[in-house]
Amino acid sequence: MARTSQTITQQEVAVYAKFAQDHNIINDGTQADIDNSNLVLDYFTKTWNEDITEANLVQAFPQLKPHLKFQSKAEVELRKTAADSDAVATQKFATWFEKQTFLIREGELGFENANNLLQELRGRDVTNETIAAAIGRIEAPTSKYDTRVRRPLHYVKTERVVDPRSHVATDDGTPFLGNDLRKQADGSYGKSPADYARERVAASAKNNPVATDSAKLLEAQARQDAENIRGNSRYQDSILSRIIVFKPGTTDTDWVQTLQSRRAILRTWVAEASGNRSVR
């Protein structure tokens, strides 16, 4: 049975579009979509000479599949999350996500970032404040009582300026370590992952008002969360309130690091309590 039309009909276009959607075939107007469309068009008009129908696409799929370009796993997950989310909130988030510059936006990591944040925002209005809070929850340490698996966010890499005197002596003979370095468990000096995360946000925020707002909101959210942490007694509350981490070289409170430190202490107490140890 030969084709019934020498040209591709609108019905054939619609059938292929639905088939592409159902099988995660790229069909979004990009070059990959053009390549896919040309491949299918040539197959049905030159190689097989049949109409593009759902049944014929199913039959031809094994021959076409090795040459088609498909959506990545992360893109498929993002599309599913977007489909299950409020359309207005999703559009607001998409607008914000395309403007910000401190999170990776492109490729597989970009899809993962968008999906991670959109899931965390589900059921909430999308504003700078709620986005900053969502980032804070994703970055916050988890406990064994937290059943939600939050994937880490992927930040845009910024070049680090290394002082040439690092790991050598200064002019007066004293070791130069840098005010922002901390002694690690193995005896070496370095920065924590949280330090590097803050540096990435700060560096991206210099010429980016959106990133600046997010950094400030993250700090404000961290302060609120840190001040709201409570133990099981006044004694524990007093200890938690005295745990303060300062920004390197200043007397300003680093609320993100303070929040993490207070949560770490609280997790220790919870672990001790679950092990039937006495907690004051």
Protein backbone atom coordinates (compact mmCIF):
# COMPACT_ATOMS: atom_id res chain seq x y z
CA MET A 1 0.00 0.00 0.00
CA ALA A 2 1.57 3.32 -1.15
CA ARG A 3 1.16 6.80 0.25
CA THR A 4 -2.22 8.43 -0.37
CA SER A 5 -0.69 11.94 -0.64
CA GLN A 6 2.50 13.22 -2.22
CA THR A 7 2.85 15.85 0.49
CA ILE A 8 2.81 15.53 4.29
CA THR A 9 -0.67 16.27 5.61
CA GLN A 10 -1.58 18.12 8.81
CA GLN A 11 -3.03 14.90 10.16
CA GLU A 12 0.33 13.16 9.67
CA VAL A 13 2.08 16.05 11.46
CA ALA A 14 -0.31 15.72 14.40
CA VAL A 15 0.12 11.93 14.56
CA TYR A 16 3.92 12.26 14.59
CA ALA A 17 3.81 15.01 17.27
CA LYS A 18 1.77 12.79 19.59
CA PHE A 19 4.02 9.80 18.92
CA ALA A 20 7.10 11.93 19.68
CA GLN A 21 5.57 13.11 22.95
CA ASP A 22 4.62 9.58 24.00
CA HIS A 23 8.12 8.25 23.27
CA ASN A 24 10.20 11.22 24.55
CA ILE A 25 11.45 12.01 21.04
CA ILE A 26 12.76 15.58 20.81
CA ASN A 27 10.09 17.65 19.10
CA ASP A 28 10.64 21.23 20.27
CA GLY A 29 11.76 23.22 17.23
CA THR A 30 15.48 22.78 17.91
CA GLN A 31 18.02 21.38 15.45
CA ALA A 32 17.58 17.96 17.06
CA ASP A 33 13.86 18.17 16.29
CA ILE A 34 14.58 19.15 12.68
CA ASP A 35 16.94 16.17 12.32
CA ASN A 36 14.31 13.83 13.76
CA SER A 37 11.57 15.20 11.51
CA ASN A 38 13.73 14.93 8.39
CA LEU A 39 14.63 11.34 9.29
CA VAL A 40 10.97 10.33 9.69
CA LEU A 41 9.93 12.26 6.59
CA ASP A 42 12.55 10.58 4.41
CA TYR A 43 11.69 7.17 5.80
CA PHE A 44 7.98 7.46 5.06
CA THR A 45 8.24 9.28 1.69
CA LYS A 46 11.30 7.59 0.18
CA THR A 47 12.24 4.37 1.98
CA TRP A 48 8.84 2.90 2.89
CA ASN A 49 6.48 5.14 0.91
CA GLU A 50 3.63 4.81 3.43
CA ASP A 51 1.34 7.22 5.26
CA ILE A 52 2.45 8.38 8.71
CA THR A 53 -0.09 6.74 10.99
CA GLU A 54 0.15 5.59 14.59
CA ALA A 55 0.25 1.93 13.53
CA ASN A 56 2.93 2.58 10.91
CA LEU A 57 5.05 4.59 13.35
CA VAL A 58 4.90 1.72 15.84
CA GLN A 59 6.00 -0.68 13.09
CA ALA A 60 8.79 1.60 11.87
CA PHE A 61 10.03 2.58 15.35
CA PRO A 62 12.62 -0.25 15.71
CA GLN A 63 14.30 0.88 12.48
CA LEU A 64 14.10 4.59 13.32
CA LYS A 65 15.00 4.42 17.03
CA PRO A 66 18.82 4.06 16.67
CA HIS A 67 18.91 7.27 14.62
CA LEU A 68 16.43 9.42 16.56
CA LYS A 69 17.39 11.92 19.26
CA PHE A 70 15.55 11.61 22.57
CA GLN A 71 14.98 13.84 25.58
CA SER A 72 17.41 13.18 28.44
CA LYS A 73 16.25 11.53 31.65
CA ALA A 74 16.51 14.82 33.54
CA GLU A 75 14.48 16.65 30.86
CA VAL A 76 11.78 13.99 30.99
CA GLU A 77 11.60 14.32 34.79
CA LEU A 78 11.39 18.12 34.55
CA ARG A 79 8.58 17.96 32.01
CA LYS A 80 6.66 15.57 34.24
CA THR A 81 7.11 17.85 37.27
CA ALA A 82 6.04 20.88 35.23
CA ALA A 83 2.97 19.04 33.97
CA ASP A 84 1.98 18.17 37.54
CA SER A 85 2.55 21.74 38.80
CA ASP A 86 0.44 24.88 38.64
CA ALA A 87 0.89 26.43 35.18
CA VAL A 88 1.16 30.03 36.45
CA ALA A 89 3.69 29.09 39.14
CA THR A 90 5.70 27.10 36.61
CA GLN A 91 5.87 30.08 34.24
CA LYS A 92 6.95 32.41 37.07
CA PHE A 93 9.69 29.97 38.01
CA ALA A 94 10.83 29.58 34.38
CA THR A 95 11.17 33.37 34.06
CA TRP A 96 13.24 33.57 37.25
CA PHE A 97 15.37 30.56 36.33
CA GLU A 98 16.34 31.99 32.94
CA LYS A 99 17.40 35.33 34.49
CA GLN A 100 19.48 34.00 37.40
CA THR A 101 23.17 33.29 36.77
CA PHE A 102 24.49 31.42 39.81
CA LEU A 103 22.81 28.08 39.04
CA ILE A 104 23.60 26.08 35.89
CA ARG A 105 20.73 26.53 33.42
CA GLU A 106 21.80 24.48 30.41
CA GLY A 107 22.08 20.77 29.68
CA GLU A 108 21.44 17.85 31.98
CA LEU A 109 22.57 19.74 35.10
CA GLY A 110 20.28 22.62 34.21
CA PHE A 111 17.30 20.28 33.90
CA GLU A 112 18.21 18.73 37.27
CA ASN A 113 18.41 22.17 38.93
CA ALA A 114 15.06 23.28 37.51
CA ASN A 115 13.36 20.00 38.44
CA ASN A 116 14.81 20.03 41.95
CA LEU A 117 13.65 23.57 42.67
CA LEU A 118 10.26 23.20 40.98
CA GLN A 119 9.54 20.12 43.11
CA GLU A 120 10.52 22.02 46.26
CA LEU A 121 8.22 24.92 45.25
CA ARG A 122 5.21 22.72 44.52
CA GLY A 123 2.10 24.05 46.24
CA ARG A 124 3.72 27.43 46.99
CA ASP A 125 3.54 30.80 45.30
CA VAL A 126 6.72 31.54 43.35
CA THR A 127 8.53 34.66 44.61
CA ASN A 128 12.14 35.57 45.35
CA GLU A 129 11.44 34.76 49.00
CA THR A 130 9.95 31.30 48.39
CA ILE A 131 12.71 30.43 45.90
CA ALA A 132 15.39 31.45 48.39
CA ALA A 133 13.67 29.37 51.07
CA ALA A 134 13.51 26.41 48.68
CA ILE A 135 17.25 26.70 48.00
CA GLY A 136 17.85 26.81 51.75
CA ARG A 137 15.84 23.64 52.32
CA ILE A 138 17.65 21.82 49.51
CA GLU A 139 21.07 22.83 50.83
CA ALA A 140 20.20 22.13 54.47
CA PRO A 141 21.59 18.96 56.07
CA THR A 142 19.13 16.08 56.23
CA SER A 143 18.48 13.63 59.03
CA LYS A 144 17.35 10.03 59.13
CA TYR A 145 13.86 11.31 59.93
CA ASP A 146 13.66 13.23 56.64
CA THR A 147 12.20 10.90 54.00
CA ARG A 148 12.42 13.40 51.12
CA VAL A 149 15.48 12.86 48.90
CA ARG A 150 16.77 16.25 47.77
CA ARG A 151 19.37 16.24 45.03
CA PRO A 152 22.16 18.82 45.35
CA LEU A 153 22.00 21.94 43.22
CA HIS A 154 24.64 22.55 40.56
CA TYR A 155 26.28 25.99 40.70
CA VAL A 156 28.12 27.90 37.98
CA LYS A 157 31.84 27.50 38.59
CA THR A 158 33.81 30.63 39.35
CA GLU A 159 37.58 30.91 39.15
CA ARG A 160 39.33 31.01 42.49
CA VAL A 161 42.15 33.49 42.99
CA VAL A 162 44.99 31.68 44.74
CA ASP A 163 47.43 33.77 46.74
CA PRO A 164 50.99 32.85 45.68
CA ARG A 165 52.00 32.75 49.34
CA SER A 166 49.60 29.90 50.14
CA HIS A 167 51.26 27.07 52.08
CA VAL A 168 54.51 29.06 52.41
CA ALA A 169 55.79 31.56 54.95
CA THR A 170 55.03 35.28 54.85
CA ASP A 171 57.74 37.95 54.91
CA ASP A 172 57.88 37.95 58.70
CA GLY A 173 58.25 34.18 58.83
CA THR A 174 54.73 33.32 59.99
CA PRO A 175 52.81 30.67 58.05
CA PHE A 176 50.25 32.14 55.68
CA LEU A 177 46.98 30.22 55.87
CA GLY A 178 44.33 32.79 55.05
CA ASN A 179 41.61 34.03 57.37
CA ASP A 180 38.95 32.03 55.56
CA LEU A 181 40.62 28.64 55.97
CA ARG A 182 39.66 26.21 58.72
CA LYS A 183 41.51 23.26 60.10
CA GLN A 184 39.96 20.04 58.81
CA ALA A 185 39.62 16.69 60.56
CA ASP A 186 42.73 15.33 58.83
CA GLY A 187 44.86 18.26 60.01
CA SER A 188 44.90 20.08 56.68
CA TYR A 189 43.47 23.54 56.11
CA GLY A 190 40.69 24.32 53.69
CA LYS A 191 37.12 25.46 53.28
CA SER A 192 33.91 23.57 53.83
CA PRO A 193 31.45 22.83 50.98
CA ALA A 194 29.16 25.45 52.51
CA ASP A 195 31.97 28.04 52.27
CA TYR A 196 32.46 27.31 48.59
CA ALA A 197 28.70 27.43 47.95
CA ARG A 198 28.48 30.90 49.53
CA GLU A 199 31.49 32.07 47.49
CA ARG A 200 29.83 30.92 44.27
CA VAL A 201 26.62 32.77 45.10
CA ALA A 202 28.51 35.91 46.16
CA ALA A 203 30.70 35.93 43.05
CA SER A 204 27.73 35.50 40.74
CA ALA A 205 25.80 38.18 42.62
CA LYS A 206 28.25 41.03 41.98
CA ASN A 207 26.72 42.06 38.68
CA ASN A 208 23.46 40.20 39.01
CA PRO A 209 20.62 41.79 41.04
CA VAL A 210 18.60 38.54 40.98
CA ALA A 211 21.49 36.58 42.48
CA THR A 212 22.09 39.35 45.02
CA ASP A 213 18.48 39.19 46.14
CA SER A 214 18.67 35.40 46.42
CA ALA A 215 21.87 35.55 48.49
CA LYS A 216 20.32 38.07 50.87
CA LEU A 217 17.14 36.05 51.11
CA LEU A 218 19.09 32.87 51.80
CA GLU A 219 20.87 34.65 54.66
CA ALA A 220 17.59 35.99 56.03
CA GLN A 221 15.92 32.59 55.77
CA ALA A 222 18.90 30.94 57.45
CA ARG A 223 18.73 33.44 60.33
CA GLN A 224 15.01 32.81 60.82
CA ASP A 225 15.50 29.04 60.74
CA ALA A 226 18.48 29.21 63.11
CA GLU A 227 16.61 31.35 65.65
CA ASN A 228 13.61 29.01 65.51
CA ILE A 229 15.58 25.86 66.33
CA ARG A 230 14.60 24.51 69.74
CA GLY A 231 15.86 21.66 71.85
CA ASN A 232 13.95 19.53 74.37
CA SER A 233 14.76 21.72 77.36
CA ARG A 234 15.72 25.25 78.33
CA TYR A 235 19.24 24.03 78.86
CA GLN A 236 19.48 22.82 75.26
CA ASP A 237 17.86 26.05 74.03
CA SER A 238 20.49 28.11 75.84
CA ILE A 239 23.30 26.08 74.28
CA LEU A 240 21.86 26.41 70.80
CA SER A 241 21.43 30.18 71.16
CA ARG A 242 25.12 30.54 72.04
CA ILE A 243 26.30 28.70 68.89
CA ILE A 244 27.27 31.50 66.51
CA VAL A 245 29.62 31.31 63.53
CA PHE A 246 31.16 34.56 62.32
CA LYS A 247 32.02 35.44 58.75
CA PRO A 248 35.81 35.07 58.22
CA GLY A 249 37.70 38.17 59.34
CA THR A 250 34.58 39.95 60.67
CA THR A 251 32.27 40.05 63.64
CA ASP A 252 29.21 39.60 61.42
CA THR A 253 27.17 36.47 62.00
CA ASP A 254 27.29 33.92 59.20
CA TRP A 255 23.71 32.71 59.53
CA VAL A 256 23.98 29.96 56.93
CA GLN A 257 26.93 28.38 58.76
CA THR A 258 25.33 29.08 62.14
CA LEU A 259 22.18 27.28 61.03
CA GLN A 260 24.19 24.26 59.89
CA SER A 261 26.14 24.17 63.16
CA ARG A 262 23.00 24.37 65.29
CA ARG A 263 21.33 21.65 63.23
CA ALA A 264 24.41 19.46 63.62
CA ILE A 265 24.24 19.80 67.42
CA LEU A 266 20.50 19.10 67.38
CA ARG A 267 21.01 15.97 65.25
CA THR A 268 23.60 14.75 67.74
CA TRP A 269 21.14 15.16 70.61
CA VAL A 270 18.41 13.38 68.66
CA ALA A 271 20.77 10.50 67.88
CA GLU A 272 21.76 10.23 71.54
CA ALA A 273 18.12 10.29 72.64
CA SER A 274 17.17 7.56 70.16
CA GLY A 275 20.01 5.47 71.54
CA ASN A 276 18.51 5.77 75.04
CA ARG A 277 21.31 8.00 76.28
CA SER A 278 20.45 10.68 78.80
CA VAL A 279 20.25 14.22 77.41
CA ARG A 280 20.25 17.19 79.71
